[in-house]
C-alpha atoms as a PDB file:
ATOM      1  CA  MET A   1      28.193  13.075  -8.869  1.00  0.00           C
ATOM      2  CA  GLU A   2      31.091  12.316  -6.523  1.00  0.00           C
ATOM      3  CA  ASN A   3      34.298  10.715  -7.840  1.00  0.00           C
ATOM      4  CA  GLY A   4      36.663   8.321  -6.079  1.00  0.00           C
ATOM      5  CA  LEU A   5      33.877   6.373  -4.359  1.00  0.00           C
ATOM      6  CA  GLU A   6      33.425   2.674  -3.819  1.00  0.00           C
ATOM      7  CA  PRO A   7      30.809   1.047  -6.120  1.00  0.00           C
ATOM      8  CA  ASP A   8      28.187   0.733  -3.350  1.00  0.00           C
ATOM      9  CA  GLN A   9      28.730   4.374  -2.398  1.00  0.00           C
ATOM     10  CA  MET A  10      28.259   5.432  -6.013  1.00  0.00           C
ATOM     11  CA  VAL A  11      24.935   3.593  -6.233  1.00  0.00           C
ATOM     12  CA  THR A  12      23.860   5.115  -2.919  1.00  0.00           C
ATOM     13  CA  CYS A  13      24.734   8.652  -3.986  1.00  0.00           C
ATOM     14  CA  TYR A  14      22.785   8.301  -7.211  1.00  0.00           C
ATOM     15  CA  LEU A  15      19.768   6.751  -5.496  1.00  0.00           C
ATOM     16  CA  VAL A  16      19.489   9.525  -2.906  1.00  0.00           C
ATOM     17  CA  HIS A  17      20.057  12.074  -5.690  1.00  0.00           C
ATOM     18  CA  LEU A  18      17.087  10.619  -7.603  1.00  0.00           C
ATOM     19  CA  ILE A  19      14.959  10.505  -4.432  1.00  0.00           C
ATOM     20  CA  GLY A  20      15.668  14.180  -3.795  1.00  0.00           C
ATOM     21  CA  CYS A  21      14.922  15.086  -7.407  1.00  0.00           C
ATOM     22  CA  ALA A  22      11.643  13.150  -7.429  1.00  0.00           C
ATOM     23  CA  LEU A  23      10.390  14.877  -4.272  1.00  0.00           C
ATOM     24  CA  SER A  24      11.654  18.392  -5.087  1.00  0.00           C
ATOM     25  CA  ASN A  25      10.906  18.335  -8.838  1.00  0.00           C
ATOM     26  CA  ARG A  26      14.558  18.947  -9.707  1.00  0.00           C
ATOM     27  CA  GLU A  27      15.963  17.679 -12.990  1.00  0.00           C
ATOM     28  CA  PRO A  28      18.249  14.700 -12.286  1.00  0.00           C
ATOM     29  CA  GLU A  29      21.813  14.278 -13.489  1.00  0.00           C
ATOM     30  CA  VAL A  30      22.671  11.546 -15.965  1.00  0.00           C
ATOM     31  CA  LEU A  31      23.880   8.169 -14.747  1.00  0.00           C
ATOM     32  CA  PRO A  32      27.524   8.537 -13.593  1.00  0.00           C
ATOM     33  CA  ASP A  33      30.265   6.624 -15.363  1.00  0.00           C
ATOM     34  CA  GLY A  34      30.942   3.285 -13.732  1.00  0.00           C
ATOM     35  CA  LEU A  35      27.296   2.626 -12.816  1.00  0.00           C
ATOM     36  CA  SER A  36      24.732   0.534 -14.643  1.00  0.00           C
ATOM     37  CA  TRP A  37      20.993   1.066 -14.651  1.00  0.00           C
ATOM     38  CA  GLU A  38      20.569  -2.578 -13.715  1.00  0.00           C
ATOM     39  CA  ASP A  39      22.481  -2.009 -10.444  1.00  0.00           C
ATOM     40  CA  VAL A  40      20.530   1.159  -9.648  1.00  0.00           C
ATOM     41  CA  VAL A  41      17.173  -0.511 -10.320  1.00  0.00           C
ATOM     42  CA  SER A  42      18.100  -3.601  -8.290  1.00  0.00           C
ATOM     43  CA  ARG A  43      19.065  -1.557  -5.224  1.00  0.00           C
ATOM     44  CA  ALA A  44      15.987   0.645  -5.610  1.00  0.00           C
ATOM     45  CA  ARG A  45      13.800  -2.482  -5.563  1.00  0.00           C
ATOM     46  CA  ASP A  46      15.569  -3.705  -2.418  1.00  0.00           C
ATOM     47  CA  ASN A  47      14.687  -0.429  -0.709  1.00  0.00           C
ATOM     48  CA  SER A  48      11.108  -0.118  -2.026  1.00  0.00           C
ATOM     49  CA  VAL A  49      11.874   3.145  -3.830  1.00  0.00           C
ATOM     50  CA  LEU A  50      11.861   2.056  -7.485  1.00  0.00           C
ATOM     51  CA  GLY A  51       8.528   3.744  -8.218  1.00  0.00           C
ATOM     52  CA  LEU A  52       9.822   6.883  -6.520  1.00  0.00           C
ATOM     53  CA  ILE A  53      13.160   7.176  -8.333  1.00  0.00           C
ATOM     54  CA  TRP A  54      11.519   6.324 -11.658  1.00  0.00           C
ATOM     55  CA  HIS A  55       9.365   9.419 -11.223  1.00  0.00           C
ATOM     56  CA  ALA A  56      12.585  11.424 -11.646  1.00  0.00           C
ATOM     57  CA  ALA A  57      14.624   9.120 -13.910  1.00  0.00           C
ATOM     58  CA  ARG A  58      12.004   8.375 -16.578  1.00  0.00           C
ATOM     59  CA  TRP A  59      12.826  11.518 -18.565  1.00  0.00           C
ATOM     60  CA  LEU A  60      16.551  10.766 -18.814  1.00  0.00           C
ATOM     61  CA  ASP A  61      18.187   9.662 -22.051  1.00  0.00           C
ATOM     62  CA  GLY A  62      20.430   6.624 -22.258  1.00  0.00           C
ATOM     63  CA  ILE A  63      18.277   4.186 -20.266  1.00  0.00           C
ATOM     64  CA  PRO A  64      18.267   0.767 -21.997  1.00  0.00           C
ATOM     65  CA  GLY A  65      14.911  -0.046 -23.563  1.00  0.00           C
ATOM     66  CA  GLY A  66      14.365  -3.177 -21.479  1.00  0.00           C
ATOM     67  CA  VAL A  67      15.075  -1.306 -18.236  1.00  0.00           C
ATOM     68  CA  ARG A  68      12.799   1.565 -19.233  1.00  0.00           C
ATOM     69  CA  GLU A  69       9.906  -0.763 -20.080  1.00  0.00           C
ATOM     70  CA  SER A  70      10.350  -2.788 -16.888  1.00  0.00           C
ATOM     71  CA  CYS A  71      10.466   0.320 -14.673  1.00  0.00           C
ATOM     72  CA  GLN A  72       7.429   1.874 -16.330  1.00  0.00           C
ATOM     73  CA  ARG A  73       5.447  -1.349 -15.884  1.00  0.00           C
ATOM     74  CA  PHE A  74       6.484  -1.464 -12.241  1.00  0.00           C
ATOM     75  CA  SER A  75       5.514   2.193 -11.715  1.00  0.00           C
ATOM     76  CA  ASP A  76       2.090   1.597 -13.293  1.00  0.00           C
ATOM     77  CA  MET A  77       1.650  -1.499 -11.115  1.00  0.00           C
ATOM     78  CA  VAL A  78       2.431   0.456  -7.925  1.00  0.00           C
ATOM     79  CA  ALA A  79      -0.134   3.123  -8.828  1.00  0.00           C
ATOM     80  CA  LEU A  80      -2.796   0.522  -9.623  1.00  0.00           C
ATOM     81  CA  HIS A  81      -1.984  -1.412  -6.458  1.00  0.00           C
ATOM     82  CA  ASN A  82      -2.412   1.721  -4.344  1.00  0.00           C
ATOM     83  CA  VAL A  83      -5.742   2.585  -5.980  1.00  0.00           C
ATOM     84  CA  ARG A  84      -7.002  -0.962  -5.329  1.00  0.00           C
ATOM     85  CA  TYR A  85      -5.741  -0.788  -1.752  1.00  0.00           C
ATOM     86  CA  GLU A  86      -7.545   2.482  -1.166  1.00  0.00           C
ATOM     87  CA  ALA A  87     -10.840   1.018  -2.386  1.00  0.00           C
ATOM     88  CA  GLU A  88     -10.312  -2.173  -0.371  1.00  0.00           C
ATOM     89  CA  ARG A  89      -9.348  -0.212   2.749  1.00  0.00           C
ATOM     90  CA  THR A  90     -12.599   1.751   2.474  1.00  0.00           C
ATOM     91  CA  ALA A  91     -14.567  -1.502   2.369  1.00  0.00           C
ATOM     92  CA  VAL A  92     -12.627  -3.057   5.254  1.00  0.00           C
ATOM     93  CA  CYS A  93     -13.006   0.045   7.421  1.00  0.00           C
ATOM     94  CA  ALA A  94     -16.740   0.197   6.731  1.00  0.00           C
ATOM     95  CA  ALA A  95     -17.169  -3.477   7.676  1.00  0.00           C
ATOM     96  CA  LEU A  96     -15.187  -3.112  10.905  1.00  0.00           C
ATOM     97  CA  ARG A  97     -17.023   0.081  11.854  1.00  0.00           C
ATOM     98  CA  ALA A  98     -20.378  -1.603  11.267  1.00  0.00           C
ATOM     99  CA  GLU A  99     -19.393  -4.020  14.072  1.00  0.00           C
ATOM    100  CA  GLY A 100     -18.639  -1.108  16.396  1.00  0.00           C
ATOM    101  CA  LEU A 101     -14.869  -1.177  15.901  1.00  0.00           C
ATOM    102  CA  SER A 102     -13.042   2.091  15.365  1.00  0.00           C
ATOM    103  CA  VAL A 103     -10.222   2.230  12.806  1.00  0.00           C
ATOM    104  CA  LEU A 104      -7.143   4.337  12.153  1.00  0.00           C
ATOM    105  CA  PRO A 105      -4.888   3.948   9.061  1.00  0.00           C
ATOM    106  CA  LEU A 106      -1.167   3.588   9.820  1.00  0.00           C
ATOM    107  CA  LYS A 107       2.191   3.748   8.037  1.00  0.00           C
ATOM    108  CA  GLY A 108       1.972   3.440   4.242  1.00  0.00           C
ATOM    109  CA  ALA A 109      -1.826   3.390   4.291  1.00  0.00           C
ATOM    110  CA  SER A 110      -1.690   6.936   5.624  1.00  0.00           C
ATOM    111  CA  LEU A 111       1.534   8.109   3.968  1.00  0.00           C
ATOM    112  CA  VAL A 112       0.712   7.189   0.365  1.00  0.00           C
ATOM    113  CA  SER A 113      -1.739  10.074  -0.005  1.00  0.00           C
ATOM    114  CA  ARG A 114       0.996  12.544   1.048  1.00  0.00           C
ATOM    115  CA  TYR A 115       3.015  11.774  -2.092  1.00  0.00           C
ATOM    116  CA  SER A 116       2.208  13.728  -5.249  1.00  0.00           C
ATOM    117  CA  ASP A 117       1.603  10.565  -7.311  1.00  0.00           C
ATOM    118  CA  TYR A 118       0.330   7.108  -6.350  1.00  0.00           C
ATOM    119  CA  SER A 119       3.253   5.477  -8.169  1.00  0.00           C
ATOM    120  CA  MET A 120       5.787   7.065  -5.810  1.00  0.00           C
ATOM    121  CA  ARG A 121       5.107   5.171  -2.542  1.00  0.00           C
ATOM    122  CA  GLU A 122       5.171   1.387  -2.485  1.00  0.00           C
ATOM    123  CA  VAL A 123       2.864  -0.176   0.112  1.00  0.00           C
ATOM    124  CA  GLY A 124       3.298  -3.817   1.065  1.00  0.00           C
ATOM    125  CA  ASP A 125       0.644  -4.247   3.751  1.00  0.00           C
ATOM    126  CA  ASN A 126      -2.378  -2.126   4.534  1.00  0.00           C
ATOM    127  CA  ASP A 127      -1.943  -1.316   8.235  1.00  0.00           C
ATOM    128  CA  LEU A 128      -4.911  -0.392  10.418  1.00  0.00           C
ATOM    129  CA  LEU A 129      -5.214   0.156  14.148  1.00  0.00           C
ATOM    130  CA  PHE A 130      -8.562  -1.201  15.348  1.00  0.00           C
ATOM    131  CA  GLY A 131     -10.354  -1.269  18.677  1.00  0.00           C
ATOM    132  CA  LEU A 132     -13.364  -0.483  20.817  1.00  0.00           C
ATOM    133  CA  VAL A 133     -12.981   3.237  21.397  1.00  0.00           C
ATOM    134  CA  GLY A 134     -14.867   5.678  23.581  1.00  0.00           C
ATOM    135  CA  MET A 135     -14.694   9.450  23.907  1.00  0.00           C
ATOM    136  CA  ASP A 136     -14.746  11.443  27.129  1.00  0.00           C
ATOM    137  CA  GLY A 137     -16.464  14.767  27.731  1.00  0.00           C
ATOM    138  CA  HIS A 138     -13.414  16.659  26.519  1.00  0.00           C
ATOM    139  CA  GLY A 139     -13.341  14.904  23.154  1.00  0.00           C
ATOM    140  CA  ILE A 140     -10.376  12.682  24.080  1.00  0.00           C
ATOM    141  CA  CYS A 141     -10.548   9.126  22.748  1.00  0.00           C
ATOM    142  CA  PHE A 142      -9.675   6.111  24.875  1.00  0.00           C
ATOM    143  CA  SER A 143      -9.599   2.335  24.562  1.00  0.00           C
ATOM    144  CA  ARG A 144     -12.556   0.512  26.088  1.00  0.00           C
ATOM    145  CA  VAL A 145     -10.639  -2.789  26.188  1.00  0.00           C
ATOM    146  CA  ASP A 146      -8.296  -3.257  29.144  1.00  0.00           C
ATOM    147  CA  SER A 147      -8.107  -7.007  29.707  1.00  0.00           C
ATOM    148  CA  GLY A 148      -6.606 -10.012  27.958  1.00  0.00           C
ATOM    149  CA  GLU A 149     -10.034 -11.588  27.623  1.00  0.00           C
ATOM    150  CA  GLY A 150     -11.470  -8.438  26.080  1.00  0.00           C
ATOM    151  CA  ALA A 151      -8.568  -8.197  23.643  1.00  0.00           C
ATOM    152  CA  ALA A 152      -9.111 -11.816  22.581  1.00  0.00           C
ATOM    153  CA  ARG A 153     -12.807 -11.150  21.866  1.00  0.00           C
ATOM    154  CA  LEU A 154     -11.812  -8.062  19.900  1.00  0.00           C
ATOM    155  CA  ARG A 155      -9.502 -10.125  17.698  1.00  0.00           C
ATOM    156  CA  GLU A 156     -12.179 -12.773  17.197  1.00  0.00           C
ATOM    157  CA  CYS A 157     -14.578 -10.081  16.010  1.00  0.00           C
ATOM    158  CA  ALA A 158     -12.005  -8.665  13.578  1.00  0.00           C
ATOM    159  CA  LEU A 159     -11.212 -12.141  12.222  1.00  0.00           C
ATOM    160  CA  ARG A 160     -14.906 -12.827  11.678  1.00  0.00           C
ATOM    161  CA  VAL A 161     -15.381  -9.529   9.810  1.00  0.00           C
ATOM    162  CA  MET A 162     -12.314 -10.071   7.629  1.00  0.00           C
ATOM    163  CA  GLY A 163     -13.340 -13.663   6.931  1.00  0.00           C
ATOM    164  CA  GLY A 164     -16.653 -12.349   5.657  1.00  0.00           C
ATOM    165  CA  LEU A 165     -14.705 -10.184   3.204  1.00  0.00           C
ATOM    166  CA  GLY A 166     -12.752 -13.180   1.924  1.00  0.00           C
ATOM    167  CA  TYR A 167      -9.556 -12.751   3.957  1.00  0.00           C
ATOM    168  CA  ALA A 168      -7.640 -15.626   5.531  1.00  0.00           C
ATOM    169  CA  PRO A 169      -5.292 -15.290   8.538  1.00  0.00           C
ATOM    170  CA  VAL A 170      -1.575 -15.898   8.097  1.00  0.00           C
ATOM    171  CA  PRO A 171       0.606 -17.115  11.009  1.00  0.00           C
ATOM    172  CA  ASP A 172       2.775 -14.228  12.153  1.00  0.00           C
ATOM    173  CA  ALA A 173       5.399 -13.983  14.894  1.00  0.00           C
ATOM    174  CA  GLU A 174       4.403 -10.388  15.638  1.00  0.00           C
ATOM    175  CA  GLU A 175       2.090 -10.338  18.662  1.00  0.00           C
ATOM    176  CA  CYS A 176       0.597  -6.895  18.053  1.00  0.00           C
ATOM    177  CA  HIS A 177      -1.356  -7.545  14.879  1.00  0.00           C
ATOM    178  CA  LEU A 178      -3.409  -9.939  12.813  1.00  0.00           C
ATOM    179  CA  HIS A 179      -2.044 -10.615   9.327  1.00  0.00           C
ATOM    180  CA  LEU A 180      -4.709 -11.391   6.728  1.00  0.00           C
ATOM    181  CA  VAL A 181      -4.485 -11.911   2.977  1.00  0.00           C
ATOM    182  CA  LYS A 182      -6.798 -12.260  -0.007  1.00  0.00           C
ATOM    183  CA  ASP A 183      -6.110 -12.966  -3.660  1.00  0.00           C
ATOM    184  CA  PRO A 184      -5.010 -11.266  -5.766  1.00  0.00           C
ATOM    185  CA  GLY A 185      -2.215  -9.775  -3.670  1.00  0.00           C
ATOM    186  CA  LEU A 186      -4.132  -7.965  -0.921  1.00  0.00           C
ATOM    187  CA  SER A 187      -2.612  -7.968   2.562  1.00  0.00           C
ATOM    188  CA  PHE A 188      -3.845  -6.294   5.736  1.00  0.00           C
ATOM    189  CA  GLU A 189      -2.244  -6.015   9.154  1.00  0.00           C
ATOM    190  CA  LEU A 190      -4.834  -5.195  11.822  1.00  0.00           C
ATOM    191  CA  HIS A 191      -3.098  -3.854  14.919  1.00  0.00           C
ATOM    192  CA  ASP A 192      -4.628  -3.885  18.379  1.00  0.00           C
ATOM    193  CA  ARG A 193      -1.381  -2.397  19.737  1.00  0.00           C
ATOM    194  CA  LEU A 194       1.390  -0.390  18.135  1.00  0.00           C
ATOM    195  CA  PHE A 195       4.340  -1.879  20.043  1.00  0.00           C
ATOM    196  CA  SER A 196       4.785  -5.000  22.158  1.00  0.00           C
ATOM    197  CA  ASP A 197       6.058  -4.721  25.711  1.00  0.00           C
ATOM    198  CA  ARG A 198       9.622  -5.583  24.695  1.00  0.00           C
ATOM    199  CA  TRP A 199       9.970  -2.172  23.061  1.00  0.00           C
ATOM    200  CA  SER A 200      10.719   0.923  25.136  1.00  0.00           C
ATOM    201  CA  PHE A 201       7.976   2.781  23.241  1.00  0.00           C
ATOM    202  CA  ALA A 202       5.256   0.468  24.598  1.00  0.00           C
ATOM    203  CA  GLY A 203       4.433   2.639  27.614  1.00  0.00           C
ATOM    204  CA  TYR A 204       4.027   5.807  25.547  1.00  0.00           C
ATOM    205  CA  TYR A 205       1.736   3.987  23.099  1.00  0.00           C
ATOM    206  CA  ARG A 206      -0.146   1.940  25.728  1.00  0.00           C
ATOM    207  CA  ASP A 207      -3.367   3.635  24.624  1.00  0.00           C
ATOM    208  CA  PRO A 208      -2.652   5.217  21.221  1.00  0.00           C
ATOM    209  CA  TRP A 209      -6.305   6.202  20.846  1.00  0.00           C
ATOM    210  CA  ARG A 210      -5.702   9.116  23.236  1.00  0.00           C
ATOM    211  CA  LEU A 211      -3.767  10.760  20.381  1.00  0.00           C
ATOM    212  CA  ALA A 212      -6.432  10.180  17.715  1.00  0.00           C
ATOM    213  CA  ARG A 213      -9.074  12.548  16.397  1.00  0.00           C
ATOM    214  CA  PRO A 214     -12.289  11.753  14.451  1.00  0.00           C
ATOM    215  CA  VAL A 215     -12.097  12.193  10.684  1.00  0.00           C
ATOM    216  CA  ASP A 216     -15.846  12.803  10.526  1.00  0.00           C
ATOM    217  CA  GLU A 217     -17.516  14.394  13.559  1.00  0.00           C
ATOM    218  CA  SER A 218     -20.913  13.085  12.415  1.00  0.00           C
ATOM    219  CA  SER A 219     -19.759   9.508  13.152  1.00  0.00           C
ATOM    220  CA  ILE A 220     -19.515  10.208  16.879  1.00  0.00           C
ATOM    221  CA  GLY A 221     -22.259   8.554  18.919  1.00  0.00           C
ATOM    222  CA  CYS A 222     -23.997   6.987  15.916  1.00  0.00           C
ATOM    223  CA  GLY A 223     -23.597   3.422  17.196  1.00  0.00           C
ATOM    224  CA  ALA A 224     -20.897   2.442  14.696  1.00  0.00           C
ATOM    225  CA  GLY A 225     -17.177   2.634  15.206  1.00  0.00           C
ATOM    226  CA  MET A 226     -15.362   5.847  14.369  1.00  0.00           C
ATOM    227  CA  GLU A 227     -12.890   6.542  11.606  1.00  0.00           C
ATOM    228  CA  LEU A 228      -9.947   8.242  13.287  1.00  0.00           C
ATOM    229  CA  ALA A 229      -6.607   9.765  12.312  1.00  0.00           C
ATOM    230  CA  LEU A 230      -3.518  10.968  14.096  1.00  0.00           C
ATOM    231  CA  PRO A 231      -2.834  14.706  13.994  1.00  0.00           C
ATOM    232  CA  PRO A 232       0.140  15.400  11.689  1.00  0.00           C
ATOM    233  CA  GLU A 233       2.555  15.905  14.589  1.00  0.00           C
ATOM    234  CA  ASP A 234       1.643  12.579  16.181  1.00  0.00           C
ATOM    235  CA  GLU A 235       1.755  10.814  12.815  1.00  0.00           C
ATOM    236  CA  TYR A 236       5.274  12.173  12.367  1.00  0.00           C
ATOM    237  CA  VAL A 237       6.357  11.066  15.851  1.00  0.00           C
ATOM    238  CA  TYR A 238       4.966   7.585  15.174  1.00  0.00           C
ATOM    239  CA  LEU A 239       6.832   7.485  11.846  1.00  0.00           C
ATOM    240  CA  MET A 240      10.063   8.150  13.753  1.00  0.00           C
ATOM    241  CA  ALA A 241       9.263   5.599  16.468  1.00  0.00           C
ATOM    242  CA  HIS A 242       8.420   2.910  13.910  1.00  0.00           C
ATOM    243  CA  ALA A 243      11.612   3.629  11.936  1.00  0.00           C
ATOM    244  CA  CYS A 244      13.678   3.524  15.130  1.00  0.00           C
ATOM    245  CA  LYS A 245      12.161   0.157  16.044  1.00  0.00           C
ATOM    246  CA  HIS A 246      13.299  -1.306  12.734  1.00  0.00           C
ATOM    247  CA  ALA A 247      16.711   0.361  13.051  1.00  0.00           C
ATOM    248  CA  ARG A 248      17.188  -1.254  16.462  1.00  0.00           C
ATOM    249  CA  TYR A 249      15.992  -4.636  15.223  1.00  0.00           C
ATOM    250  CA  LYS A 250      17.473  -5.269  11.762  1.00  0.00           C
ATOM    251  CA  ASP A 251      18.159  -1.701  10.570  1.00  0.00           C
ATOM    252  CA  VAL A 252      16.184   0.286   8.027  1.00  0.00           C
ATOM    253  CA  GLY A 253      16.503   1.258   4.359  1.00  0.00           C
ATOM    254  CA  LEU A 254      16.174   4.340   2.183  1.00  0.00           C
ATOM    255  CA  ARG A 255      12.384   4.556   1.990  1.00  0.00           C
ATOM    256  CA  VAL A 256      12.181   6.113   5.448  1.00  0.00           C
ATOM    257  CA  LEU A 257      14.152   9.099   4.120  1.00  0.00           C
ATOM    258  CA  ALA A 258      11.460   9.739   1.535  1.00  0.00           C
ATOM    259  CA  ASP A 259       8.694   9.442   4.149  1.00  0.00           C
ATOM    260  CA  VAL A 260      10.430  11.971   6.419  1.00  0.00           C
ATOM    261  CA  ILE A 261      10.890  14.362   3.495  1.00  0.00           C
ATOM    262  CA  VAL A 262       7.246  14.044   2.408  1.00  0.00           C
ATOM    263  CA  MET A 263       5.879  14.645   5.903  1.00  0.00           C
ATOM    264  CA  ASN A 264       8.038  17.754   6.303  1.00  0.00           C
ATOM    265  CA  LYS A 265       7.185  18.964   2.802  1.00  0.00           C
ATOM    266  CA  THR A 266       3.453  18.547   3.508  1.00  0.00           C
ATOM    267  CA  PHE A 267       3.287  19.897   7.054  1.00  0.00           C
ATOM    268  CA  GLY A 268       6.624  21.594   7.676  1.00  0.00           C
ATOM    269  CA  TYR A 269       5.277  25.121   7.977  1.00  0.00           C
ATOM    270  CA  SER A 270       2.393  24.119  10.258  1.00  0.00           C
ATOM    271  CA  PHE A 271       4.152  21.533  12.458  1.00  0.00           C
ATOM    272  CA  ASP A 272       4.293  22.298  16.168  1.00  0.00           C
ATOM    273  CA  ARG A 273       8.023  21.596  16.393  1.00  0.00           C
ATOM    274  CA  CYS A 274       8.161  22.127  20.165  1.00  0.00           C
ATOM    275  CA  TYR A 275       5.505  19.445  20.692  1.00  0.00           C
ATOM    276  CA  ILE A 276       7.273  17.028  18.337  1.00  0.00           C
ATOM    277  CA  ARG A 277      10.583  17.538  20.159  1.00  0.00           C
ATOM    278  CA  GLU A 278       8.934  16.950  23.542  1.00  0.00           C
ATOM    279  CA  GLN A 279       7.387  13.679  22.361  1.00  0.00           C
ATOM    280  CA  LEU A 280      10.634  12.459  20.798  1.00  0.00           C
ATOM    281  CA  LEU A 281      12.420  13.229  24.078  1.00  0.00           C
ATOM    282  CA  GLU A 282       9.790  11.345  26.053  1.00  0.00           C
ATOM    283  CA  LEU A 283      10.209   8.366  23.726  1.00  0.00           C
ATOM    284  CA  GLY A 284      13.992   8.559  24.055  1.00  0.00           C
ATOM    285  CA  ILE A 285      14.586   8.796  20.301  1.00  0.00           C
ATOM    286  CA  LEU A 286      15.508  12.436  19.749  1.00  0.00           C
ATOM    287  CA  ASP A 287      19.107  11.406  19.024  1.00  0.00           C
ATOM    288  CA  PHE A 288      17.749   9.111  16.314  1.00  0.00           C
ATOM    289  CA  ALA A 289      15.267  11.553  14.793  1.00  0.00           C
ATOM    290  CA  GLU A 290      17.329  14.740  14.581  1.00  0.00           C
ATOM    291  CA  PRO A 291      20.192  13.287  12.461  1.00  0.00           C
ATOM    292  CA  LEU A 292      17.624  11.602  10.232  1.00  0.00           C
ATOM    293  CA  GLU A 293      15.843  14.948   9.749  1.00  0.00           C
ATOM    294  CA  ARG A 294      19.102  16.707   8.895  1.00  0.00           C
ATOM    295  CA  PHE A 295      19.978  14.026   6.386  1.00  0.00           C
ATOM    296  CA  ALA A 296      16.498  14.087   4.832  1.00  0.00           C
ATOM    297  CA  ARG A 297      16.818  17.852   4.424  1.00  0.00           C
ATOM    298  CA  ALA A 298      20.177  17.447   2.683  1.00  0.00           C
ATOM    299  CA  VAL A 299      18.706  14.851   0.300  1.00  0.00           C
ATOM    300  CA  TYR A 300      15.729  17.076  -0.499  1.00  0.00           C
ATOM    301  CA  GLU A 301      17.907  20.123  -1.126  1.00  0.00           C
ATOM    302  CA  GLY A 302      20.581  18.210  -3.058  1.00  0.00           C
ATOM    303  CA  ALA A 303      23.305  19.222  -0.588  1.00  0.00           C
ATOM    304  CA  PRO A 304      26.598  17.288  -0.471  1.00  0.00           C
ATOM    305  CA  LEU A 305      26.719  14.450   2.052  1.00  0.00           C
ATOM    306  CA  THR A 306      29.276  14.383   4.843  1.00  0.00           C
ATOM    307  CA  ASP A 307      31.561  11.356   5.037  1.00  0.00           C
ATOM    308  CA  ASP A 308      29.609  10.038   8.041  1.00  0.00           C
ATOM    309  CA  GLN A 309      26.307  10.521   6.235  1.00  0.00           C
ATOM    310  CA  LEU A 310      27.608   8.715   3.159  1.00  0.00           C
ATOM    311  CA  ASP A 311      28.846   5.775   5.247  1.00  0.00           C
ATOM    312  CA  ALA A 312      25.568   5.537   7.142  1.00  0.00           C
ATOM    313  CA  VAL A 313      23.284   5.845   4.125  1.00  0.00           C
ATOM    314  CA  THR A 314      25.328   3.302   2.162  1.00  0.00           C
ATOM    315  CA  HIS A 315      24.793   0.928   5.067  1.00  0.00           C
ATOM    316  CA  MET A 316      21.048   1.673   4.912  1.00  0.00           C
ATOM    317  CA  MET A 317      20.989   1.006   1.173  1.00  0.00           C
ATOM    318  CA  LEU A 318      22.697  -2.353   1.631  1.00  0.00           C
ATOM    319  CA  CYS A 319      20.249  -3.350   4.395  1.00  0.00           C
ATOM    320  CA  GLY A 320      17.139  -2.853   2.240  1.00  0.00           C
ATOM    321  CA  THR A 321      13.696  -1.682   3.324  1.00  0.00           C
ATOM    322  CA  TYR A 322      13.521  -3.412   6.710  1.00  0.00           C
ATOM    323  CA  GLY A 323      17.090  -4.533   7.287  1.00  0.00           C
ATOM    324  CA  THR A 324      18.594  -8.004   7.177  1.00  0.00           C
ATOM    325  CA  GLU A 325      18.919 -10.990   9.497  1.00  0.00           C
ATOM    326  CA  ALA A 326      22.704 -10.571   9.472  1.00  0.00           C
ATOM    327  CA  GLU A 327      22.390  -6.950  10.579  1.00  0.00           C
ATOM    328  CA  GLY A 328      19.934  -7.998  13.274  1.00  0.00           C
ATOM    329  CA  VAL A 329      22.513 -10.440  14.643  1.00  0.00           C
ATOM    330  CA  ARG A 330      25.212  -7.756  14.562  1.00  0.00           C
ATOM    331  CA  ILE A 331      22.979  -5.313  16.467  1.00  0.00           C
ATOM    332  CA  ARG A 332      22.134  -7.917  19.121  1.00  0.00           C
ATOM    333  CA  MET A 333      25.800  -8.847  19.533  1.00  0.00           C
ATOM    334  CA  ARG A 334      26.753  -5.213  20.022  1.00  0.00           C
ATOM    335  CA  ARG A 335      23.991  -4.797  22.583  1.00  0.00           C
ATOM    336  CA  GLU A 336      25.007  -7.933  24.493  1.00  0.00           C
ATOM    337  CA  ALA A 337      28.641  -6.834  24.440  1.00  0.00           C
ATOM    338  CA  GLY A 338      27.652  -3.600  26.136  1.00  0.00           C
ATOM    339  CA  GLU A 339      28.314  -1.446  23.103  1.00  0.00           C
ATOM    340  CA  GLY A 340      24.744  -0.234  23.010  1.00  0.00           C
ATOM    341  CA  GLY A 341      22.011  -0.711  20.485  1.00  0.00           C
ATOM    342  CA  SER A 342      22.076   2.759  18.985  1.00  0.00           C
ATOM    343  CA  PRO A 343      20.939   2.773  15.366  1.00  0.00           C
ATOM    344  CA  ARG A 344      23.456   3.660  12.678  1.00  0.00           C
ATOM    345  CA  LEU A 345      21.447   6.798  11.953  1.00  0.00           C
ATOM    346  CA  ALA A 346      23.121   8.418  14.980  1.00  0.00           C
ATOM    347  CA  GLU A 347      26.234   8.540  12.774  1.00  0.00           C
ATOM    348  CA  PHE A 348      24.586  11.235  10.652  1.00  0.00           C
ATOM    349  CA  ARG A 349      25.710  13.893  13.127  1.00  0.00           C
END
């Protein structure tokens, strides 16, 4: 590992080293002098990558017994949590579809299956896009709800279905989804939109169903809602748009690096890169996505980080999974001062 670094930079370097090793099946280096496993584990928790880095670190010698036991318990808990979520998501989707609502898994709910082990991707909420969806003669999906009144009835239907499954709504400032919880520890976010109008991406994602494709062709025209999925390219573009939203709001942590690596590892040879670039340009986030891709590639391959990359990724590590209130204030002050709201990830160039 690098010498002559500040303590936070040392932790960052070791965390991204372990992330790269976990996802590329490389053997990790031992903990560098000057670092403690307690610091590494604490920062990994803050960034929702503890299960991931433990996949690489668990074979190392020299880990204190208490740390080893705690990390293994946490890893087992993540795997069990994801298995329970998968079973619960199946039940929720079936109940919503029985009421004629189509569903599409989003974010971690979709990404977790791309990882090689269920302990490697922590999922906080189970995110689903739901709606009344039709299909035209060319097989293109579209939303059948285009009014405020229709959207309100749609939400009422979803709340009724989730209530029947034992879920209770939680007040949430986000206007694009319903947040519902059930003991023990189950949380769903049901989205009727992907972005509110205050985000520049809202126009592109006005009707996200146009991008979706049926998972099971036999469900078309059967009277129930459809189970849908985004093609890999559109899932990847949405991953970038969602990460950029967080980066522009309160910044974003290290987990997004792992998600970018996993999507490229899974679909890299089949991706339509020209299409992805066109969509990122249309969204206005190509200058965010390309540096992030280059950095993710360096992490996966174990390449040395540039000084700019190290500064930027240390900042990400300190911000945690979804950023901090303090960073959100700093971003808004920069924007109001006319300095722009460009995410720190642009510094990866």
